[in-house]
């Protein structure tokens, strides 16, 4: 049998192609991980702002009807729109849920309990 000999420039070219292919695949994977990290960071940033907003609403000791009327529209905060909903969860027990949405994605969901007025 005869051995097939390859020339050294062809072997070098083949090795160079493999190295370029490896680095291209590595760069693609790194970019995907980086893009995913940026998305998670943006979601956490929006969620943090929504939590602060919800905390201010809850600690304001306002009547729930007033809150619902005031924040029934979308709330604009630095270019981001928050949609605030207050949903009555149970008619027997005064329990409400404060939901803050942004771009069809739920950011924050808090349970609100109202006590009875004693005079």
N, C-alpha and C. Protein backbone atom coordinates (compact mmCIF):
# COMPACT_ATOMS: atom_id res chain seq x y z
N UNK A 1 0.81 -1.17 0.00
CA UNK A 1 0.00 0.00 0.00
C UNK A 1 0.86 1.24 0.00
N UNK A 2 0.28 2.18 -0.58
CA UNK A 2 0.98 3.44 -0.71
C UNK A 2 0.45 4.45 0.31
N UNK A 3 1.31 5.15 0.95
CA UNK A 3 0.90 6.17 1.91
C UNK A 3 0.58 7.46 1.15
N UNK A 4 -0.49 8.07 1.62
CA UNK A 4 -0.84 9.37 1.03
C UNK A 4 -0.17 10.43 1.88
N UNK A 5 0.66 11.14 1.26
CA UNK A 5 1.38 12.19 1.97
C UNK A 5 0.72 13.53 1.72
N UNK A 6 0.57 14.27 2.79
CA UNK A 6 0.04 15.62 2.63
C UNK A 6 1.18 16.60 2.80
N UNK A 7 1.06 17.66 2.12
CA UNK A 7 2.12 18.65 2.22
C UNK A 7 1.96 19.44 3.52
N UNK A 8 3.04 19.99 3.98
CA UNK A 8 3.02 20.74 5.23
C UNK A 8 2.14 21.99 5.15
N UNK A 9 2.11 22.72 4.06
CA UNK A 9 1.22 23.88 4.01
C UNK A 9 -0.26 23.48 4.14
N UNK A 10 -0.65 22.34 3.56
CA UNK A 10 -2.04 21.90 3.66
C UNK A 10 -2.37 21.52 5.10
N UNK A 11 -1.47 20.85 5.79
CA UNK A 11 -1.69 20.48 7.19
C UNK A 11 -1.80 21.73 8.06
N UNK A 12 -0.96 22.70 7.81
CA UNK A 12 -1.02 23.96 8.55
C UNK A 12 -2.35 24.67 8.29
N UNK A 13 -2.78 24.69 7.03
CA UNK A 13 -4.05 25.33 6.66
C UNK A 13 -5.23 24.64 7.35
N UNK A 14 -5.21 23.31 7.38
CA UNK A 14 -6.27 22.55 8.03
C UNK A 14 -6.30 22.84 9.54
N UNK A 15 -5.13 22.88 10.15
CA UNK A 15 -5.06 23.18 11.57
C UNK A 15 -5.53 24.61 11.86
N UNK A 16 -5.18 25.54 11.01
CA UNK A 16 -5.61 26.93 11.16
C UNK A 16 -7.13 27.04 11.05
N UNK A 17 -7.73 26.30 10.11
CA UNK A 17 -9.19 26.30 9.97
C UNK A 17 -9.86 25.75 11.23
N UNK A 18 -9.31 24.69 11.79
CA UNK A 18 -9.88 24.13 13.02
C UNK A 18 -9.80 25.11 14.19
N UNK A 19 -8.69 25.81 14.30
CA UNK A 19 -8.54 26.79 15.38
C UNK A 19 -9.53 27.94 15.20
N UNK A 20 -9.68 28.43 13.97
CA UNK A 20 -10.64 29.52 13.71
C UNK A 20 -12.06 29.06 14.01
N UNK A 21 -12.40 27.83 13.61
CA UNK A 21 -13.72 27.29 13.87
C UNK A 21 -13.98 27.18 15.37
N UNK A 22 -12.99 26.70 16.12
CA UNK A 22 -13.12 26.58 17.58
C UNK A 22 -13.37 27.95 18.22
N UNK A 23 -12.59 28.96 17.84
CA UNK A 23 -12.76 30.28 18.43
C UNK A 23 -14.08 30.93 18.02
N UNK A 24 -14.55 30.65 16.81
CA UNK A 24 -15.85 31.18 16.39
C UNK A 24 -16.98 30.58 17.23
N UNK A 25 -16.91 29.28 17.46
CA UNK A 25 -17.93 28.63 18.30
C UNK A 25 -17.85 29.16 19.73
N UNK A 26 -16.65 29.31 20.26
CA UNK A 26 -16.47 29.83 21.63
C UNK A 26 -17.02 31.25 21.75
N UNK A 27 -16.75 32.09 20.77
CA UNK A 27 -17.25 33.47 20.80
C UNK A 27 -18.77 33.50 20.75
N UNK A 28 -19.37 32.62 19.97
CA UNK A 28 -20.84 32.57 19.89
C UNK A 28 -21.45 32.18 21.23
N UNK A 29 -20.88 31.20 21.88
CA UNK A 29 -21.39 30.77 23.18
C UNK A 29 -21.23 31.87 24.22
N UNK A 30 -20.09 32.53 24.22
CA UNK A 30 -19.85 33.61 25.18
C UNK A 30 -20.82 34.76 24.96
N UNK A 31 -21.11 35.10 23.70
CA UNK A 31 -22.06 36.16 23.41
C UNK A 31 -23.47 35.80 23.87
N UNK A 32 -23.86 34.54 23.72
CA UNK A 32 -25.18 34.11 24.20
C UNK A 32 -25.27 34.22 25.71
N UNK A 33 -24.24 33.82 26.41
CA UNK A 33 -24.22 33.92 27.88
C UNK A 33 -24.28 35.39 28.30
N UNK A 34 -23.53 36.24 27.62
CA UNK A 34 -23.51 37.67 27.93
C UNK A 34 -24.88 38.31 27.69
N UNK A 35 -25.53 37.97 26.58
CA UNK A 35 -26.86 38.51 26.28
C UNK A 35 -27.88 38.06 27.31
N UNK A 36 -27.79 36.81 27.74
CA UNK A 36 -28.69 36.30 28.77
C UNK A 36 -28.48 37.03 30.09
N UNK A 37 -27.24 37.30 30.43
CA UNK A 37 -26.94 38.02 31.67
C UNK A 37 -27.48 39.45 31.62
N UNK A 38 -27.38 40.09 30.47
CA UNK A 38 -27.91 41.45 30.32
C UNK A 38 -29.43 41.45 30.49
N UNK A 39 -30.11 40.47 29.90
CA UNK A 39 -31.57 40.38 30.03
C UNK A 39 -31.98 40.17 31.49
N UNK A 40 -31.30 39.29 32.19
CA UNK A 40 -31.62 39.05 33.60
C UNK A 40 -31.36 40.28 34.44
N UNK A 41 -30.28 41.00 34.14
CA UNK A 41 -29.96 42.21 34.87
C UNK A 41 -31.04 43.27 34.65
N UNK A 42 -31.51 43.43 33.42
CA UNK A 42 -32.55 44.41 33.13
C UNK A 42 -33.86 44.04 33.83
N UNK A 43 -34.21 42.75 33.82
CA UNK A 43 -35.43 42.30 34.51
C UNK A 43 -35.33 42.57 36.01
N UNK A 44 -34.19 42.28 36.61
CA UNK A 44 -34.01 42.54 38.05
C UNK A 44 -34.07 44.03 38.36
N UNK A 45 -33.52 44.84 37.47
CA UNK A 45 -33.56 46.30 37.66
C UNK A 45 -35.02 46.79 37.62
N UNK A 46 -35.79 46.33 36.63
CA UNK A 46 -37.20 46.72 36.53
C UNK A 46 -37.99 46.21 37.72
N UNK A 47 -37.69 45.00 38.15
CA UNK A 47 -38.40 44.43 39.30
C UNK A 47 -38.10 45.21 40.57
N UNK A 48 -36.86 45.64 40.74
CA UNK A 48 -36.49 46.43 41.92
C UNK A 48 -37.25 47.76 41.94
N UNK A 49 -37.34 48.42 40.77
CA UNK A 49 -38.09 49.67 40.71
C UNK A 49 -39.57 49.44 40.98
N UNK A 50 -40.12 48.35 40.47
CA UNK A 50 -41.53 48.04 40.71
C UNK A 50 -41.77 47.74 42.19
N UNK A 51 -40.84 47.06 42.84
CA UNK A 51 -40.99 46.76 44.26
C UNK A 51 -40.96 48.03 45.10
N UNK A 52 -40.09 48.97 44.75
CA UNK A 52 -40.06 50.24 45.47
C UNK A 52 -41.36 51.00 45.28
N UNK A 53 -41.87 50.99 44.06
CA UNK A 53 -43.13 51.66 43.78
C UNK A 53 -44.27 51.01 44.57
N UNK A 54 -44.32 49.69 44.58
CA UNK A 54 -45.37 48.98 45.32
C UNK A 54 -45.25 49.24 46.82
N UNK A 55 -44.04 49.30 47.32
CA UNK A 55 -43.84 49.58 48.74
C UNK A 55 -44.35 50.97 49.08
N UNK A 56 -44.10 51.95 48.22
CA UNK A 56 -44.59 53.30 48.46
C UNK A 56 -46.12 53.34 48.44
N UNK A 57 -46.72 52.60 47.54
CA UNK A 57 -48.18 52.56 47.46
C UNK A 57 -48.76 51.93 48.72
N UNK A 58 -48.17 50.81 49.14
CA UNK A 58 -48.70 50.09 50.31
C UNK A 58 -48.49 50.89 51.59
N UNK A 59 -47.32 51.49 51.76
CA UNK A 59 -47.02 52.22 52.99
C UNK A 59 -47.71 53.57 53.06
N UNK A 60 -48.31 53.98 51.95
CA UNK A 60 -48.99 55.27 51.94
C UNK A 60 -50.27 55.29 52.74
N UNK A 61 -50.71 54.12 53.21
CA UNK A 61 -51.95 54.00 53.99
C UNK A 61 -53.12 54.68 53.30
N UNK A 62 -53.22 54.46 52.02
CA UNK A 62 -54.32 55.02 51.26
C UNK A 62 -55.44 54.00 51.16
N UNK A 63 -56.61 54.51 50.89
CA UNK A 63 -57.75 53.64 50.65
C UNK A 63 -57.52 52.90 49.34
N UNK A 64 -57.89 51.61 49.29
CA UNK A 64 -57.64 50.82 48.09
C UNK A 64 -58.38 51.35 46.88
N UNK A 65 -59.58 51.91 47.09
CA UNK A 65 -60.31 52.49 45.96
C UNK A 65 -59.56 53.69 45.39
N UNK A 66 -58.97 54.49 46.27
CA UNK A 66 -58.19 55.64 45.81
C UNK A 66 -56.97 55.18 45.03
N UNK A 67 -56.30 54.16 45.53
CA UNK A 67 -55.13 53.63 44.83
C UNK A 67 -55.53 53.10 43.46
N UNK A 68 -56.65 52.37 43.40
CA UNK A 68 -57.07 51.79 42.13
C UNK A 68 -57.40 52.89 41.12
N UNK A 69 -58.08 53.95 41.56
CA UNK A 69 -58.43 55.03 40.64
C UNK A 69 -57.18 55.79 40.20
N UNK A 70 -56.27 56.01 41.14
CA UNK A 70 -55.08 56.80 40.85
C UNK A 70 -54.13 56.07 39.91
N UNK A 71 -53.98 54.76 40.10
CA UNK A 71 -53.01 54.00 39.32
C UNK A 71 -53.67 53.06 38.33
N UNK A 72 -54.92 53.36 37.94
CA UNK A 72 -55.60 52.51 36.98
C UNK A 72 -54.96 52.63 35.60
N UNK A 73 -54.41 53.80 35.34
CA UNK A 73 -53.71 53.98 34.07
C UNK A 73 -52.29 53.43 34.23
N UNK A 74 -51.58 53.44 33.14
CA UNK A 74 -50.19 53.00 33.20
C UNK A 74 -49.36 54.06 33.90
N UNK A 75 -48.41 53.61 34.68
CA UNK A 75 -47.53 54.51 35.43
C UNK A 75 -46.20 54.59 34.71
N UNK A 76 -45.79 55.80 34.36
CA UNK A 76 -44.54 55.97 33.63
C UNK A 76 -43.44 56.35 34.60
N UNK A 77 -42.34 55.62 34.54
CA UNK A 77 -41.21 55.87 35.41
C UNK A 77 -39.94 55.76 34.59
N UNK A 78 -39.34 56.89 34.27
CA UNK A 78 -38.09 56.94 33.52
C UNK A 78 -38.17 56.15 32.21
N UNK A 79 -39.25 56.34 31.49
CA UNK A 79 -39.37 55.68 30.20
C UNK A 79 -39.94 54.28 30.26
N UNK A 80 -40.07 53.71 31.44
CA UNK A 80 -40.65 52.37 31.58
C UNK A 80 -42.09 52.51 32.04
N UNK A 81 -42.96 51.69 31.50
CA UNK A 81 -44.36 51.75 31.86
C UNK A 81 -44.71 50.59 32.77
N UNK A 82 -45.29 50.92 33.91
CA UNK A 82 -45.78 49.92 34.84
C UNK A 82 -47.30 49.94 34.78
N UNK A 83 -47.89 48.78 34.64
CA UNK A 83 -49.34 48.67 34.72
C UNK A 83 -49.66 48.11 36.10
N UNK A 84 -50.44 48.87 36.87
CA UNK A 84 -50.75 48.50 38.24
C UNK A 84 -52.19 47.99 38.29
N UNK A 85 -52.37 46.82 38.88
CA UNK A 85 -53.70 46.24 39.07
C UNK A 85 -53.88 45.88 40.53
N UNK A 86 -55.07 46.14 41.03
CA UNK A 86 -55.43 45.67 42.36
C UNK A 86 -56.65 44.80 42.19
N UNK A 87 -56.50 43.53 42.51
CA UNK A 87 -57.55 42.54 42.29
C UNK A 87 -58.05 42.04 43.63
N UNK A 88 -59.39 41.99 43.77
CA UNK A 88 -59.97 41.45 44.99
C UNK A 88 -59.94 39.93 44.89
N UNK A 89 -59.26 39.28 45.83
CA UNK A 89 -59.05 37.84 45.74
C UNK A 89 -60.14 37.03 46.40
N UNK A 90 -60.71 37.52 47.49
CA UNK A 90 -61.71 36.75 48.22
C UNK A 90 -62.75 37.72 48.77
N UNK A 91 -64.02 37.44 48.52
CA UNK A 91 -65.07 38.35 48.97
C UNK A 91 -65.33 38.23 50.47
N UNK A 92 -65.19 37.04 51.04
CA UNK A 92 -65.47 36.84 52.46
C UNK A 92 -64.41 37.50 53.35
N UNK A 93 -63.18 37.36 52.96
CA UNK A 93 -62.06 37.92 53.73
C UNK A 93 -61.46 39.04 52.89
N UNK A 94 -61.36 40.26 53.42
CA UNK A 94 -60.86 41.37 52.60
C UNK A 94 -59.39 41.19 52.24
N UNK A 95 -59.15 40.57 51.13
CA UNK A 95 -57.80 40.25 50.68
C UNK A 95 -57.66 40.73 49.23
N UNK A 96 -56.64 41.50 48.97
CA UNK A 96 -56.41 42.03 47.63
C UNK A 96 -55.02 41.65 47.17
N UNK A 97 -54.83 41.68 45.87
CA UNK A 97 -53.51 41.41 45.30
C UNK A 97 -53.09 42.59 44.46
N UNK A 98 -51.93 43.14 44.76
CA UNK A 98 -51.36 44.24 43.99
C UNK A 98 -50.39 43.64 42.98
N UNK A 99 -50.69 43.81 41.70
CA UNK A 99 -49.84 43.26 40.63
C UNK A 99 -49.27 44.41 39.82
N UNK A 100 -48.00 44.35 39.54
CA UNK A 100 -47.35 45.35 38.69
C UNK A 100 -46.77 44.62 37.49
N UNK A 101 -47.20 45.04 36.31
CA UNK A 101 -46.81 44.42 35.05
C UNK A 101 -45.99 45.40 34.23
N UNK A 102 -45.14 44.86 33.40
CA UNK A 102 -44.42 45.66 32.41
C UNK A 102 -44.23 44.80 31.17
N UNK A 103 -44.71 45.30 30.06
CA UNK A 103 -44.58 44.59 28.78
C UNK A 103 -45.10 43.16 28.87
N UNK A 104 -46.31 42.99 29.38
CA UNK A 104 -46.95 41.68 29.47
C UNK A 104 -46.21 40.70 30.40
N UNK A 105 -45.34 41.20 31.25
CA UNK A 105 -44.58 40.35 32.16
C UNK A 105 -44.83 40.81 33.59
N UNK A 106 -45.21 39.87 34.45
CA UNK A 106 -45.47 40.19 35.85
C UNK A 106 -44.15 40.43 36.57
N UNK A 107 -44.01 41.62 37.15
CA UNK A 107 -42.79 41.95 37.89
C UNK A 107 -42.95 41.69 39.38
N UNK A 108 -44.06 42.17 39.94
CA UNK A 108 -44.26 42.10 41.39
C UNK A 108 -45.71 41.72 41.66
N UNK A 109 -45.91 40.87 42.65
CA UNK A 109 -47.26 40.51 43.09
C UNK A 109 -47.25 40.48 44.62
N UNK A 110 -48.00 41.41 45.23
CA UNK A 110 -48.08 41.52 46.69
C UNK A 110 -49.50 41.26 47.15
N UNK A 111 -49.64 40.63 48.29
CA UNK A 111 -50.95 40.44 48.90
C UNK A 111 -51.20 41.57 49.88
N UNK A 112 -52.40 42.12 49.82
CA UNK A 112 -52.80 43.21 50.71
C UNK A 112 -53.97 42.74 51.55
N UNK A 113 -53.89 42.97 52.83
CA UNK A 113 -54.97 42.60 53.75
C UNK A 113 -55.47 43.88 54.40
N UNK A 114 -56.77 44.08 54.38
CA UNK A 114 -57.34 45.27 55.00
C UNK A 114 -58.04 44.86 56.28
N UNK A 115 -57.86 45.68 57.28
CA UNK A 115 -58.53 45.42 58.55
C UNK A 115 -59.86 46.14 58.61
N UNK A 116 -60.64 45.83 59.63
CA UNK A 116 -61.92 46.48 59.81
C UNK A 116 -61.71 47.83 60.48
N UNK A 117 -62.61 48.75 60.16
CA UNK A 117 -62.57 50.07 60.80
C UNK A 117 -63.33 50.00 62.12
N UNK A 118 -62.66 50.37 63.20
CA UNK A 118 -63.30 50.39 64.52
C UNK A 118 -63.49 51.84 64.93
N UNK A 119 -64.71 52.18 65.25
CA UNK A 119 -64.98 53.56 65.67
C UNK A 119 -65.47 53.61 67.08
